[in-house]
Amino acid sequence: MTDILLDVDTGVDDALAVLFAVRHPGLTLRGVSCVAGNTDVDQVVRNTLKVLDAAGAGAVPVARGASRPLLEPHRDAVHVHGRDGMADLGLPASVREPAPEHAIELLRRLILTNPTPVTLISLAPMTNLALLLRAYPEVTTKLARIMVMGGSASVGNASAVAEFNVWHDPEAAAIVFGCDAPVTMYGLDVFYGATASPAQTAELAASTDPGAAMAGRLLHHAARISGDDHRIGQPGGAHLGDAGAVCAVAEPAGLRTRRLPLQVELASGLARGQTIVDRRSLAGDAEYHGSALLAERVEVALEIDGDRYGRLFTEVLLGRVGAA
């Protein structure tokens, strides 16, 4: 059993991730922290509570966190996720209430009091995590790993070179990638590879289970928005997005990583928010002349068994995966 915490900006694929995290029998979701990203932080809280309702989750605490990046104003992605961040499905309001404490206080408490090290899964701009690590650096001693859905060793999506979660708050990302805990970057190089086929999406949508049906509706939305993307392996398929990172925590054998030097570009301009990943096997001219960048070493995901994770996601949401 793996104890996990989720940090989310609940839009469509964060919702898929929360559904999977609640339903997978090998994962125990200890809490959820919310941050501004795909939509504003108050809407993120509302969305997260609705998803926990549909998943049939127990008393999982949810806390409101940062409403904007460390240095810049908030910039949303409602053009991708809908006006409410949840594909405008018109879901009923939750009767759950968020925890009264700030997200970083919730994370600190849950990390330090858990009897075993926790895996912290970041599916959003990393503002909450950066604040946590600066205020309470001792939490790194109780973290098994930080799994970051963010960054790219190739192209971007928010800009030509920057992925949205890092682009939204580059300073926060630099703090997280440079912390003392083990960090894995699940970036755009694998993000689009974990997919649900049209048949899997249809089966989920037709289910009488509220969580599975919600997943199917959200995947339909994802297929409409980006189903023609060449990085999605199945025609008409829907990428799992953030949920793929949680699948990788549940079944790490479906992901291949390499430990590589990484640095976040913090300067203003077109490259701001780029995760510069050094994949060279030999040193270059910069190293020869003593001007190489100082960079953190991070486990960078480069290859994924996307069909495996698509099957896993579908089977878990349909209740076909039992406890090990």
Protein backbone atom coordinates (compact mmCIF):
# COMPACT_ATOMS: atom_id res chain seq x y z
CA MET A 1 0.00 0.00 0.00
CA THR A 2 1.32 3.43 -0.99
CA ASP A 3 0.24 6.51 0.95
CA ILE A 4 -0.16 9.52 -1.33
CA LEU A 5 -1.00 13.21 -1.21
CA LEU A 6 -2.27 15.10 -4.25
CA ASP A 7 -1.64 18.77 -5.03
CA VAL A 8 -4.14 19.79 -7.71
CA ASP A 9 -5.64 22.60 -9.76
CA THR A 10 -8.65 20.47 -10.54
CA GLY A 11 -9.54 20.67 -14.15
CA VAL A 12 -10.45 17.74 -16.36
CA ASP A 13 -7.36 15.54 -16.01
CA ASP A 14 -6.79 16.37 -12.32
CA ALA A 15 -10.32 15.05 -11.78
CA LEU A 16 -9.39 11.83 -13.56
CA ALA A 17 -6.34 11.58 -11.31
CA VAL A 18 -8.39 12.06 -8.13
CA LEU A 19 -10.91 9.42 -9.24
CA PHE A 20 -8.11 6.93 -9.90
CA ALA A 21 -6.29 7.72 -6.66
CA VAL A 22 -9.42 7.07 -4.61
CA ARG A 23 -10.34 3.87 -6.43
CA HIS A 24 -6.97 2.12 -6.83
CA PRO A 25 -6.74 -0.54 -4.11
CA GLY A 26 -2.98 -0.14 -3.73
CA LEU A 27 -3.13 3.61 -3.04
CA THR A 28 -4.32 5.39 0.08
CA LEU A 29 -5.19 9.03 -0.56
CA ARG A 30 -4.40 10.89 2.67
CA GLY A 31 -5.31 14.41 1.56
CA VAL A 32 -5.61 16.91 -1.29
CA SER A 33 -4.21 20.43 -1.47
CA CYS A 34 -5.59 22.93 -3.99
CA VAL A 35 -3.84 25.71 -5.90
CA ALA A 36 -4.73 28.18 -8.64
CA GLY A 37 -3.92 26.92 -12.10
CA ASN A 38 -6.42 25.54 -14.59
CA THR A 39 -8.99 27.74 -12.85
CA ASP A 40 -9.07 29.96 -9.75
CA VAL A 41 -8.32 28.33 -6.42
CA ASP A 42 -11.86 28.57 -5.02
CA GLN A 43 -13.24 26.82 -8.09
CA VAL A 44 -10.48 24.23 -7.74
CA VAL A 45 -11.68 23.49 -4.20
CA ARG A 46 -15.30 23.17 -5.36
CA ASN A 47 -14.31 20.89 -8.23
CA THR A 48 -12.18 18.67 -6.01
CA LEU A 49 -14.99 18.16 -3.51
CA LYS A 50 -17.38 17.23 -6.33
CA VAL A 51 -14.95 14.64 -7.67
CA LEU A 52 -14.48 13.08 -4.24
CA ASP A 53 -18.28 12.77 -4.02
CA ALA A 54 -18.44 10.96 -7.36
CA ALA A 55 -15.54 8.71 -6.38
CA GLY A 56 -17.28 7.68 -3.17
CA ALA A 57 -14.27 8.77 -1.15
CA GLY A 58 -14.24 8.68 2.61
CA ALA A 59 -13.25 11.63 4.77
CA VAL A 60 -10.33 12.83 2.65
CA PRO A 61 -9.30 16.33 3.80
CA VAL A 62 -9.13 19.04 1.12
CA ALA A 63 -7.46 22.39 1.77
CA ARG A 64 -7.31 25.70 -0.11
CA GLY A 65 -3.83 26.91 -0.97
CA ALA A 66 -2.19 29.64 -3.03
CA SER A 67 -4.40 31.82 -5.19
CA ARG A 68 -1.57 32.99 -7.48
CA PRO A 69 2.05 32.18 -8.36
CA LEU A 70 4.93 33.40 -6.23
CA LEU A 71 5.74 36.38 -8.45
CA GLU A 72 3.19 36.68 -11.23
CA PRO A 73 -0.59 36.96 -11.59
CA HIS A 74 -2.73 33.87 -12.04
CA ARG A 75 -3.32 32.73 -15.63
CA ASP A 76 -5.97 30.04 -16.15
CA ALA A 77 -6.58 27.38 -18.81
CA VAL A 78 -10.37 27.52 -19.09
CA HIS A 79 -10.04 27.40 -22.89
CA VAL A 80 -8.99 23.77 -22.37
CA HIS A 81 -10.95 22.76 -19.27
CA GLY A 82 -14.17 24.76 -19.63
CA ARG A 83 -15.44 27.79 -17.72
CA ASP A 84 -15.77 25.79 -14.49
CA GLY A 85 -12.58 23.81 -15.07
CA MET A 86 -14.61 20.58 -15.31
CA ALA A 87 -15.77 20.60 -18.93
CA ASP A 88 -18.90 22.52 -17.91
CA LEU A 89 -20.68 19.28 -17.02
CA GLY A 90 -23.07 21.01 -14.63
CA LEU A 91 -22.18 18.82 -11.67
CA PRO A 92 -24.09 19.33 -8.41
CA ALA A 93 -22.40 21.15 -5.56
CA SER A 94 -20.80 19.02 -2.88
CA VAL A 95 -21.97 18.88 0.72
CA ARG A 96 -18.37 18.32 1.82
CA GLU A 97 -16.52 21.18 3.46
CA PRO A 98 -12.84 21.97 2.93
CA ALA A 99 -10.46 21.78 5.87
CA PRO A 100 -10.12 25.06 7.79
CA GLU A 101 -6.31 25.09 7.58
CA HIS A 102 -4.18 26.38 4.71
CA ALA A 103 -2.96 23.79 2.21
CA ILE A 104 0.67 23.96 3.32
CA GLU A 105 -0.36 23.39 6.94
CA LEU A 106 -2.43 20.39 5.89
CA LEU A 107 0.47 18.97 3.86
CA ARG A 108 2.93 19.50 6.69
CA ARG A 109 0.68 17.83 9.23
CA LEU A 110 -0.15 14.84 7.03
CA ILE A 111 3.47 14.30 5.94
CA LEU A 112 5.02 14.54 9.40
CA THR A 113 2.38 12.47 11.22
CA ASN A 114 2.06 9.67 8.69
CA PRO A 115 3.67 6.47 10.03
CA THR A 116 5.45 5.79 6.72
CA PRO A 117 6.98 8.09 4.08
CA VAL A 118 4.41 9.65 1.76
CA THR A 119 4.52 10.08 -2.01
CA LEU A 120 3.53 13.65 -2.87
CA ILE A 121 2.06 13.91 -6.37
CA SER A 122 2.05 17.39 -7.88
CA LEU A 123 -0.48 17.82 -10.71
CA ALA A 124 -0.55 21.60 -10.78
CA PRO A 125 1.63 24.71 -10.66
CA MET A 126 4.01 24.06 -7.76
CA THR A 127 3.28 27.16 -5.67
CA ASN A 128 1.94 25.22 -2.68
CA LEU A 129 4.89 22.84 -2.74
CA ALA A 130 7.43 25.66 -2.92
CA LEU A 131 5.81 27.43 0.03
CA LEU A 132 5.77 24.16 1.97
CA LEU A 133 9.43 23.41 1.27
CA ARG A 134 10.56 26.91 2.21
CA ALA A 135 8.45 27.12 5.38
CA TYR A 136 8.94 23.53 6.55
CA PRO A 137 12.03 22.00 4.91
CA GLU A 138 11.94 19.13 7.43
CA VAL A 139 9.10 17.52 5.46
CA THR A 140 11.61 16.22 2.91
CA THR A 141 12.79 13.64 5.45
CA LYS A 142 9.31 12.05 5.43
CA LEU A 143 8.73 12.09 1.67
CA ALA A 144 9.28 8.88 -0.29
CA ARG A 145 9.21 10.85 -3.54
CA ILE A 146 7.71 13.87 -5.24
CA MET A 147 6.09 12.93 -8.55
CA VAL A 148 5.75 16.10 -10.65
CA MET A 149 3.38 16.26 -13.57
CA GLY A 150 5.10 19.14 -15.27
CA GLY A 151 7.95 20.17 -17.50
CA SER A 152 9.29 18.77 -20.74
CA ALA A 153 12.57 17.54 -22.13
CA SER A 154 11.39 18.55 -25.60
CA VAL A 155 8.60 20.94 -26.65
CA GLY A 156 6.12 22.85 -24.53
CA ASN A 157 2.39 23.55 -24.58
CA ALA A 158 1.94 26.87 -22.73
CA SER A 159 4.74 28.20 -24.93
CA ALA A 160 6.96 26.68 -27.59
CA VAL A 161 9.30 25.35 -24.91
CA ALA A 162 7.45 25.55 -21.55
CA GLU A 163 4.85 23.20 -20.09
CA PHE A 164 1.86 24.88 -18.37
CA ASN A 165 2.45 23.89 -14.73
CA VAL A 166 6.08 25.06 -14.80
CA TRP A 167 5.33 28.10 -17.01
CA HIS A 168 2.63 29.21 -14.57
CA ASP A 169 5.12 29.45 -11.67
CA PRO A 170 8.73 28.84 -12.74
CA GLU A 171 10.24 30.00 -9.45
CA ALA A 172 8.14 27.47 -7.54
CA ALA A 173 9.16 24.70 -9.94
CA ALA A 174 12.84 25.55 -9.46
CA ILE A 175 12.43 25.22 -5.69
CA VAL A 176 10.75 21.82 -5.98
CA PHE A 177 13.23 20.38 -8.49
CA GLY A 178 16.06 21.57 -6.26
CA CYS A 179 14.77 20.14 -2.98
CA ASP A 180 16.33 17.33 -0.95
CA ALA A 181 13.58 14.78 -1.64
CA PRO A 182 13.75 12.42 -4.65
CA VAL A 183 11.88 14.01 -7.57
CA THR A 184 10.49 12.44 -10.76
CA MET A 185 9.42 14.65 -13.66
CA TYR A 186 6.44 13.19 -15.52
CA GLY A 187 6.40 15.74 -18.32
CA LEU A 188 5.03 16.28 -21.81
CA ASP A 189 7.41 13.64 -23.20
CA VAL A 190 5.07 10.99 -21.76
CA PHE A 191 1.96 13.02 -20.88
CA TYR A 192 0.08 12.31 -24.11
CA GLY A 193 1.15 8.67 -24.28
CA ALA A 194 -1.19 7.30 -21.62
CA THR A 195 -4.52 7.08 -23.42
CA ALA A 196 -7.99 5.61 -23.17
CA SER A 197 -9.38 4.24 -26.41
CA PRO A 198 -12.80 5.36 -27.70
CA ALA A 199 -14.20 1.97 -26.60
CA GLN A 200 -12.79 2.35 -23.08
CA THR A 201 -14.16 5.89 -22.83
CA ALA A 202 -17.59 4.75 -24.01
CA GLU A 203 -17.65 1.88 -21.51
CA LEU A 204 -16.81 4.23 -18.66
CA ALA A 205 -19.41 6.79 -19.75
CA ALA A 206 -22.12 4.11 -19.92
CA SER A 207 -21.43 2.85 -16.41
CA THR A 208 -24.01 3.26 -13.66
CA ASP A 209 -21.18 4.00 -11.20
CA PRO A 210 -20.94 7.79 -10.65
CA GLY A 211 -17.13 7.86 -10.63
CA ALA A 212 -16.74 5.76 -13.77
CA ALA A 213 -19.44 7.73 -15.58
CA MET A 214 -17.76 11.01 -14.64
CA ALA A 215 -14.45 9.68 -15.95
CA GLY A 216 -16.06 8.73 -19.25
CA ARG A 217 -17.63 12.17 -19.69
CA LEU A 218 -14.36 13.91 -18.89
CA LEU A 219 -12.46 11.67 -21.32
CA HIS A 220 -15.00 12.50 -24.04
CA HIS A 221 -14.19 16.15 -23.44
CA ALA A 222 -10.45 15.46 -23.58
CA ALA A 223 -10.86 13.61 -26.88
CA ARG A 224 -12.79 16.54 -28.36
CA ILE A 225 -10.19 19.06 -27.27
CA SER A 226 -6.99 17.23 -28.20
CA GLY A 227 -7.90 13.89 -29.77
CA ASP A 228 -6.23 14.87 -33.04
CA ASP A 229 -2.88 15.58 -31.38
CA HIS A 230 -0.21 13.48 -33.10
CA ARG A 231 1.25 12.50 -29.72
CA ILE A 232 -1.90 10.56 -28.81
CA GLY A 233 -1.26 7.03 -29.98
CA GLN A 234 -4.86 5.93 -30.63
CA PRO A 235 -7.10 7.56 -33.26
CA GLY A 236 -9.92 9.29 -31.41
CA GLY A 237 -8.34 8.42 -28.08
CA ALA A 238 -8.24 10.60 -25.00
CA HIS A 239 -5.08 11.20 -23.02
CA LEU A 240 -5.25 10.52 -19.29
CA GLY A 241 -3.09 13.58 -18.64
CA ASP A 242 -2.45 14.05 -14.94
CA ALA A 243 -4.00 10.67 -14.16
CA GLY A 244 -1.11 9.01 -15.98
CA ALA A 245 1.27 10.29 -13.30
CA VAL A 246 -0.82 8.59 -10.61
CA CYS A 247 -0.93 5.41 -12.71
CA ALA A 248 2.88 5.56 -12.77
CA VAL A 249 2.98 5.71 -8.97
CA ALA A 250 0.65 2.70 -8.77
CA GLU A 251 2.55 0.71 -11.44
CA PRO A 252 6.03 2.18 -11.95
CA ALA A 253 7.04 -0.57 -14.37
CA GLY A 254 5.09 1.20 -17.13
CA LEU A 255 7.42 4.22 -17.04
CA ARG A 256 11.07 4.50 -18.07
CA THR A 257 13.09 7.31 -16.54
CA ARG A 258 16.66 8.57 -16.64
CA ARG A 259 18.41 10.60 -13.97
CA LEU A 260 19.44 13.76 -15.79
CA PRO A 261 20.58 17.32 -15.10
CA LEU A 262 17.68 19.77 -15.18
CA GLN A 263 17.30 23.49 -14.74
CA VAL A 264 14.25 25.76 -14.93
CA GLU A 265 14.68 28.89 -17.03
CA LEU A 266 13.70 31.86 -14.85
CA ALA A 267 14.66 34.77 -17.08
CA SER A 268 11.97 36.79 -18.81
CA GLY A 269 11.39 36.15 -22.48
CA LEU A 270 10.27 33.35 -24.76
CA ALA A 271 12.13 30.62 -22.86
CA ARG A 272 10.75 31.46 -19.39
CA GLY A 273 9.47 28.30 -17.71
CA GLN A 274 11.41 25.90 -19.92
CA THR A 275 12.80 22.84 -18.15
CA ILE A 276 16.25 22.51 -19.71
CA VAL A 277 17.14 18.81 -19.58
CA ASP A 278 20.64 17.71 -20.53
CA ARG A 279 20.33 14.39 -22.38
CA ARG A 280 23.82 14.43 -23.87
CA SER A 281 26.13 11.49 -23.31
CA LEU A 282 29.26 13.65 -23.71
CA ALA A 283 30.18 17.05 -22.28
CA GLY A 284 30.02 19.95 -24.71
CA ASP A 285 31.85 23.21 -25.35
CA ALA A 286 30.23 24.96 -22.37
CA GLU A 287 31.66 22.33 -20.03
CA TYR A 288 35.04 22.51 -21.74
CA HIS A 289 35.21 26.26 -21.17
CA GLY A 290 33.94 26.01 -17.58
CA SER A 291 30.63 27.77 -18.20
CA ALA A 292 28.22 24.85 -17.85
CA LEU A 293 24.96 25.48 -16.01
CA LEU A 294 24.67 24.20 -12.48
CA ALA A 295 21.67 21.90 -12.58
CA GLU A 296 19.72 19.56 -10.36
CA ARG A 297 19.59 15.86 -11.18
CA VAL A 298 16.03 14.63 -11.56
CA GLU A 299 14.45 11.36 -12.67
CA VAL A 300 12.99 12.37 -16.04
CA ALA A 301 10.28 10.21 -17.62
CA LEU A 302 11.12 9.57 -21.27
CA GLU A 303 9.09 6.50 -22.30
CA ILE A 304 5.70 5.17 -21.24
CA ASP A 305 3.57 2.09 -21.79
CA GLY A 306 0.51 4.14 -22.54
CA ASP A 307 -1.80 1.24 -23.39
CA ARG A 308 -0.96 -0.38 -20.06
CA TYR A 309 -1.99 2.73 -18.17
CA GLY A 310 -5.13 3.14 -20.27
CA ARG A 311 -6.20 -0.39 -19.38
CA LEU A 312 -5.24 0.11 -15.75
CA PHE A 313 -7.24 3.32 -15.44
CA THR A 314 -10.32 1.78 -17.05
CA GLU A 315 -10.21 -1.42 -15.01
CA VAL A 316 -9.72 0.45 -11.74
CA LEU A 317 -12.61 2.85 -12.37
CA LEU A 318 -14.86 -0.07 -13.33
CA GLY A 319 -13.92 -1.91 -10.15
CA ARG A 320 -12.15 -4.80 -11.85
CA VAL A 321 -8.81 -4.45 -10.04
CA GLY A 322 -8.67 -6.07 -6.60
CA ALA A 323 -6.25 -5.49 -3.77
CA ALA A 324 -2.88 -7.16 -4.20
